[in-house]
Amino acid sequence: MQMLEIKKQDPEKVNKTFRLPKSLVDRMEQIAQAKNISLNALVVQFFEYGLAHLKADTDEVE
């Protein structure tokens, strides 16, 4: 499995609200701080990585 390379980026943005477990947010905040990026930038990269690695039968929308 390919590892996620965390990087800085600044594409056009849209506001959305997601409810996440506090333990997950705490872990992500630690990673974001260690990588010197915003929590939002880290979440975007996690989403992009997850979507890029979906199984072909579930990848209906690009």
PDB file of N, CA and C in Angstrom:
ATOM      1  N   MET A   1       0.839  -1.179   0.000  1.00  0.00           N
ATOM      2  CA  MET A   1       0.000   0.000   0.000  1.00  0.00           C
ATOM      3  C   MET A   1       0.886   1.245   0.000  1.00  0.00           C
ATOM      4  N   GLN A   2       0.518   2.217  -0.807  1.00  0.00           N
ATOM      5  CA  GLN A   2       1.272   3.470  -0.893  1.00  0.00           C
ATOM      6  C   GLN A   2       1.015   4.316   0.344  1.00  0.00           C
ATOM      7  N   MET A   3       2.074   4.902   0.901  1.00  0.00           N
ATOM      8  CA  MET A   3       1.952   5.748   2.075  1.00  0.00           C
ATOM      9  C   MET A   3       1.503   7.151   1.664  1.00  0.00           C
ATOM     10  N   LEU A   4       0.767   7.804   2.537  1.00  0.00           N
ATOM     11  CA  LEU A   4       0.321   9.172   2.298  1.00  0.00           C
ATOM     12  C   LEU A   4       1.454  10.139   2.586  1.00  0.00           C
ATOM     13  N   GLU A   5       1.804  10.966   1.614  1.00  0.00           N
ATOM     14  CA  GLU A   5       2.813  12.003   1.813  1.00  0.00           C
ATOM     15  C   GLU A   5       2.078  13.297   2.126  1.00  0.00           C
ATOM     16  N   ILE A   6       2.255  13.812   3.326  1.00  0.00           N
ATOM     17  CA  ILE A   6       1.557  15.013   3.756  1.00  0.00           C
ATOM     18  C   ILE A   6       2.290  16.247   3.237  1.00  0.00           C
ATOM     19  N   LYS A   7       1.536  17.147   2.559  1.00  0.00           N
ATOM     20  CA  LYS A   7       2.144  18.321   1.944  1.00  0.00           C
ATOM     21  C   LYS A   7       1.239  19.524   2.135  1.00  0.00           C
ATOM     22  N   LYS A   8       1.772  20.712   1.917  1.00  0.00           N
ATOM     23  CA  LYS A   8       0.983  21.939   1.993  1.00  0.00           C
ATOM     24  C   LYS A   8       0.325  22.183   0.643  1.00  0.00           C
ATOM     25  N   GLN A   9      -0.914  22.762   0.662  1.00  0.00           N
ATOM     26  CA  GLN A   9      -1.630  23.069  -0.569  1.00  0.00           C
ATOM     27  C   GLN A   9      -2.664  24.146  -0.310  1.00  0.00           C
ATOM     28  N   ASP A  10      -3.164  24.796  -1.380  1.00  0.00           N
ATOM     29  CA  ASP A  10      -4.116  25.893  -1.210  1.00  0.00           C
ATOM     30  C   ASP A  10      -5.092  25.993  -2.386  1.00  0.00           C
ATOM     31  N   PRO A  11      -5.947  24.963  -2.595  1.00  0.00           N
ATOM     32  CA  PRO A  11      -6.934  25.041  -3.683  1.00  0.00           C
ATOM     33  C   PRO A  11      -8.164  25.858  -3.261  1.00  0.00           C
ATOM     34  N   GLU A  12      -9.090  26.101  -4.202  1.00  0.00           N
ATOM     35  CA  GLU A  12     -10.352  26.774  -3.885  1.00  0.00           C
ATOM     36  C   GLU A  12     -11.081  25.961  -2.816  1.00  0.00           C
ATOM     37  N   LYS A  13     -11.782  26.624  -1.919  1.00  0.00           N
ATOM     38  CA  LYS A  13     -12.395  25.932  -0.789  1.00  0.00           C
ATOM     39  C   LYS A  13     -13.911  26.125  -0.729  1.00  0.00           C
ATOM     40  N   VAL A  14     -14.608  25.152  -0.102  1.00  0.00           N
ATOM     41  CA  VAL A  14     -16.037  25.192   0.174  1.00  0.00           C
ATOM     42  C   VAL A  14     -16.214  24.783   1.629  1.00  0.00           C
ATOM     43  N   ASN A  15     -17.091  25.452   2.369  1.00  0.00           N
ATOM     44  CA  ASN A  15     -17.327  25.092   3.768  1.00  0.00           C
ATOM     45  C   ASN A  15     -18.326  23.950   3.888  1.00  0.00           C
ATOM     46  N   LYS A  16     -17.985  22.937   4.678  1.00  0.00           N
ATOM     47  CA  LYS A  16     -18.860  21.808   5.014  1.00  0.00           C
ATOM     48  C   LYS A  16     -18.650  21.485   6.484  1.00  0.00           C
ATOM     49  N   THR A  17     -19.626  20.853   7.111  1.00  0.00           N
ATOM     50  CA  THR A  17     -19.499  20.455   8.505  1.00  0.00           C
ATOM     51  C   THR A  17     -19.542  18.940   8.604  1.00  0.00           C
ATOM     52  N   PHE A  18     -18.597  18.363   9.352  1.00  0.00           N
ATOM     53  CA  PHE A  18     -18.545  16.923   9.587  1.00  0.00           C
ATOM     54  C   PHE A  18     -18.452  16.692  11.090  1.00  0.00           C
ATOM     55  N   ARG A  19     -19.143  15.709  11.595  1.00  0.00           N
ATOM     56  CA  ARG A  19     -19.057  15.357  13.010  1.00  0.00           C
ATOM     57  C   ARG A  19     -18.109  14.172  13.131  1.00  0.00           C
ATOM     58  N   LEU A  20     -17.026  14.385  13.874  1.00  0.00           N
ATOM     59  CA  LEU A  20     -15.980  13.372  14.012  1.00  0.00           C
ATOM     60  C   LEU A  20     -15.765  13.045  15.484  1.00  0.00           C
ATOM     61  N   PRO A  21     -15.372  11.813  15.783  1.00  0.00           N
ATOM     62  CA  PRO A  21     -15.066  11.465  17.172  1.00  0.00           C
ATOM     63  C   PRO A  21     -13.908  12.320  17.698  1.00  0.00           C
ATOM     64  N   LYS A  22     -14.022  12.765  18.957  1.00  0.00           N
ATOM     65  CA  LYS A  22     -12.995  13.607  19.551  1.00  0.00           C
ATOM     66  C   LYS A  22     -11.629  12.935  19.514  1.00  0.00           C
ATOM     67  N   SER A  23     -11.579  11.633  19.763  1.00  0.00           N
ATOM     68  CA  SER A  23     -10.293  10.920  19.757  1.00  0.00           C
ATOM     69  C   SER A  23      -9.623  10.994  18.389  1.00  0.00           C
ATOM     70  N   LEU A  24     -10.416  10.945  17.332  1.00  0.00           N
ATOM     71  CA  LEU A  24      -9.872  11.035  15.974  1.00  0.00           C
ATOM     72  C   LEU A  24      -9.337  12.448  15.715  1.00  0.00           C
ATOM     73  N   VAL A  25     -10.094  13.449  16.113  1.00  0.00           N
ATOM     74  CA  VAL A  25      -9.667  14.838  15.929  1.00  0.00           C
ATOM     75  C   VAL A  25      -8.390  15.106  16.727  1.00  0.00           C
ATOM     76  N   ASP A  26      -8.324  14.594  17.942  1.00  0.00           N
ATOM     77  CA  ASP A  26      -7.114  14.771  18.753  1.00  0.00           C
ATOM     78  C   ASP A  26      -5.894  14.198  18.045  1.00  0.00           C
ATOM     79  N   ARG A  27      -6.031  13.007  17.484  1.00  0.00           N
ATOM     80  CA  ARG A  27      -4.911  12.374  16.760  1.00  0.00           C
ATOM     81  C   ARG A  27      -4.525  13.189  15.535  1.00  0.00           C
ATOM     82  N   MET A  28      -5.528  13.660  14.792  1.00  0.00           N
ATOM     83  CA  MET A  28      -5.237  14.441  13.589  1.00  0.00           C
ATOM     84  C   MET A  28      -4.578  15.768  13.947  1.00  0.00           C
ATOM     85  N   GLU A  29      -5.002  16.390  15.038  1.00  0.00           N
ATOM     86  CA  GLU A  29      -4.384  17.651  15.465  1.00  0.00           C
ATOM     87  C   GLU A  29      -2.909  17.443  15.814  1.00  0.00           C
ATOM     88  N   GLN A  30      -2.584  16.327  16.435  1.00  0.00           N
ATOM     89  CA  GLN A  30      -1.185  16.021  16.762  1.00  0.00           C
ATOM     90  C   GLN A  30      -0.355  15.865  15.490  1.00  0.00           C
ATOM     91  N   ILE A  31      -0.904  15.176  14.505  1.00  0.00           N
ATOM     92  CA  ILE A  31      -0.195  14.982  13.232  1.00  0.00           C
ATOM     93  C   ILE A  31      -0.010  16.317  12.519  1.00  0.00           C
ATOM     94  N   ALA A  32      -1.078  17.108  12.452  1.00  0.00           N
ATOM     95  CA  ALA A  32      -1.008  18.410  11.776  1.00  0.00           C
ATOM     96  C   ALA A  32       0.049  19.299  12.426  1.00  0.00           C
ATOM     97  N   GLN A  33       0.072  19.307  13.746  1.00  0.00           N
ATOM     98  CA  GLN A  33       1.055  20.124  14.449  1.00  0.00           C
ATOM     99  C   GLN A  33       2.475  19.623  14.162  1.00  0.00           C
ATOM    100  N   ALA A  34       2.669  18.312  14.178  1.00  0.00           N
ATOM    101  CA  ALA A  34       3.998  17.739  13.919  1.00  0.00           C
ATOM    102  C   ALA A  34       4.472  18.028  12.498  1.00  0.00           C
ATOM    103  N   LYS A  35       3.529  18.104  11.542  1.00  0.00           N
ATOM    104  CA  LYS A  35       3.873  18.353  10.138  1.00  0.00           C
ATOM    105  C   LYS A  35       3.824  19.838   9.784  1.00  0.00           C
ATOM    106  N   ASN A  36       3.462  20.682  10.767  1.00  0.00           N
ATOM    107  CA  ASN A  36       3.401  22.132  10.568  1.00  0.00           C
ATOM    108  C   ASN A  36       2.430  22.534   9.452  1.00  0.00           C
ATOM    109  N   ILE A  37       1.243  21.898   9.452  1.00  0.00           N
ATOM    110  CA  ILE A  37       0.177  22.266   8.514  1.00  0.00           C
ATOM    111  C   ILE A  37      -1.112  22.407   9.315  1.00  0.00           C
ATOM    112  N   SER A  38      -2.114  23.014   8.711  1.00  0.00           N
ATOM    113  CA  SER A  38      -3.393  23.173   9.403  1.00  0.00           C
ATOM    114  C   SER A  38      -4.127  21.840   9.473  1.00  0.00           C
ATOM    115  N   LEU A  39      -5.019  21.739  10.448  1.00  0.00           N
ATOM    116  CA  LEU A  39      -5.852  20.539  10.560  1.00  0.00           C
ATOM    117  C   LEU A  39      -6.690  20.383   9.299  1.00  0.00           C
ATOM    118  N   ASN A  40      -7.209  21.482   8.775  1.00  0.00           N
ATOM    119  CA  ASN A  40      -8.009  21.430   7.558  1.00  0.00           C
ATOM    120  C   ASN A  40      -7.213  20.847   6.389  1.00  0.00           C
ATOM    121  N   ALA A  41      -5.973  21.298   6.210  1.00  0.00           N
ATOM    122  CA  ALA A  41      -5.137  20.785   5.113  1.00  0.00           C
ATOM    123  C   ALA A  41      -4.900  19.289   5.270  1.00  0.00           C
ATOM    124  N   LEU A  42      -4.718  18.838   6.509  1.00  0.00           N
ATOM    125  CA  LEU A  42      -4.505  17.409   6.752  1.00  0.00           C
ATOM    126  C   LEU A  42      -5.757  16.608   6.409  1.00  0.00           C
ATOM    127  N   VAL A  43      -6.929  17.094   6.831  1.00  0.00           N
ATOM    128  CA  VAL A  43      -8.187  16.402   6.538  1.00  0.00           C
ATOM    129  C   VAL A  43      -8.407  16.302   5.033  1.00  0.00           C
ATOM    130  N   VAL A  44      -8.143  17.384   4.303  1.00  0.00           N
ATOM    131  CA  VAL A  44      -8.287  17.369   2.844  1.00  0.00           C
ATOM    132  C   VAL A  44      -7.404  16.282   2.241  1.00  0.00           C
ATOM    133  N   GLN A  45      -6.168  16.181   2.701  1.00  0.00           N
ATOM    134  CA  GLN A  45      -5.255  15.176   2.158  1.00  0.00           C
ATOM    135  C   GLN A  45      -5.708  13.762   2.510  1.00  0.00           C
ATOM    136  N   PHE A  46      -6.249  13.565   3.710  1.00  0.00           N
ATOM    137  CA  PHE A  46      -6.784  12.257   4.077  1.00  0.00           C
ATOM    138  C   PHE A  46      -7.959  11.888   3.162  1.00  0.00           C
ATOM    139  N   PHE A  47      -8.853  12.839   2.909  1.00  0.00           N
ATOM    140  CA  PHE A  47      -9.982  12.580   2.020  1.00  0.00           C
ATOM    141  C   PHE A  47      -9.502  12.233   0.609  1.00  0.00           C
ATOM    142  N   GLU A  48      -8.566  13.018   0.084  1.00  0.00           N
ATOM    143  CA  GLU A  48      -8.050  12.765  -1.267  1.00  0.00           C
ATOM    144  C   GLU A  48      -7.402  11.385  -1.352  1.00  0.00           C
ATOM    145  N   TYR A  49      -6.629  11.027  -0.350  1.00  0.00           N
ATOM    146  CA  TYR A  49      -5.969   9.717  -0.316  1.00  0.00           C
ATOM    147  C   TYR A  49      -7.017   8.602  -0.274  1.00  0.00           C
ATOM    148  N   GLY A  50      -8.012   8.752   0.581  1.00  0.00           N
ATOM    149  CA  GLY A  50      -9.063   7.739   0.691  1.00  0.00           C
ATOM    150  C   GLY A  50      -9.830   7.574  -0.610  1.00  0.00           C
ATOM    151  N   LEU A  51     -10.192   8.674  -1.250  1.00  0.00           N
ATOM    152  CA  LEU A  51     -10.916   8.598  -2.518  1.00  0.00           C
ATOM    153  C   LEU A  51     -10.068   7.983  -3.625  1.00  0.00           C
ATOM    154  N   ALA A  52      -8.786   8.287  -3.644  1.00  0.00           N
ATOM    155  CA  ALA A  52      -7.891   7.748  -4.668  1.00  0.00           C
ATOM    156  C   ALA A  52      -7.672   6.247  -4.497  1.00  0.00           C
ATOM    157  N   HIS A  53      -7.915   5.743  -3.291  1.00  0.00           N
ATOM    158  CA  HIS A  53      -7.661   4.329  -3.027  1.00  0.00           C
ATOM    159  C   HIS A  53      -8.925   3.508  -2.796  1.00  0.00           C
ATOM    160  N   LEU A  54     -10.076   4.028  -3.216  1.00  0.00           N
ATOM    161  CA  LEU A  54     -11.318   3.260  -3.162  1.00  0.00           C
ATOM    162  C   LEU A  54     -11.241   2.092  -4.127  1.00  0.00           C
ATOM    163  N   LYS A  55     -11.928   1.024  -3.813  1.00  0.00           N
ATOM    164  CA  LYS A  55     -12.007  -0.096  -4.752  1.00  0.00           C
ATOM    165  C   LYS A  55     -12.764   0.359  -5.985  1.00  0.00           C
ATOM    166  N   ALA A  56     -12.428  -0.200  -7.146  1.00  0.00           N
ATOM    167  CA  ALA A  56     -13.011   0.228  -8.426  1.00  0.00           C
ATOM    168  C   ALA A  56     -14.526   0.151  -8.426  1.00  0.00           C
ATOM    169  N   ASP A  57     -15.128  -0.836  -7.784  1.00  0.00           N
ATOM    170  CA  ASP A  57     -16.588  -0.979  -7.802  1.00  0.00           C
ATOM    171  C   ASP A  57     -17.301   0.085  -6.974  1.00  0.00           C
ATOM    172  N   THR A  58     -16.585   0.806  -6.131  1.00  0.00           N
ATOM    173  CA  THR A  58     -17.222   1.875  -5.351  1.00  0.00           C
ATOM    174  C   THR A  58     -16.865   3.251  -5.877  1.00  0.00           C
ATOM    175  N   ASP A  59     -16.006   3.330  -6.890  1.00  0.00           N
ATOM    176  CA  ASP A  59     -15.552   4.613  -7.437  1.00  0.00           C
ATOM    177  C   ASP A  59     -16.449   5.020  -8.604  1.00  0.00           C
ATOM    178  N   GLU A  60     -17.701   5.448  -8.273  1.00  0.00           N
ATOM    179  CA  GLU A  60     -18.666   5.780  -9.310  1.00  0.00           C
ATOM    180  C   GLU A  60     -18.610   7.231  -9.733  1.00  0.00           C
ATOM    181  N   VAL A  61     -18.102   8.115  -8.869  1.00  0.00           N
ATOM    182  CA  VAL A  61     -18.082   9.547  -9.150  1.00  0.00           C
ATOM    183  C   VAL A  61     -16.662  10.042  -9.107  1.00  0.00           C
ATOM    184  N   GLU A  62     -16.261  10.827 -10.100  1.00  0.00           N
ATOM    185  CA  GLU A  62     -14.920  11.420 -10.110  1.00  0.00           C
ATOM    186  C   GLU A  62     -15.008  12.903  -9.999  1.00  0.00           C
TER     187      GLU A  62
END
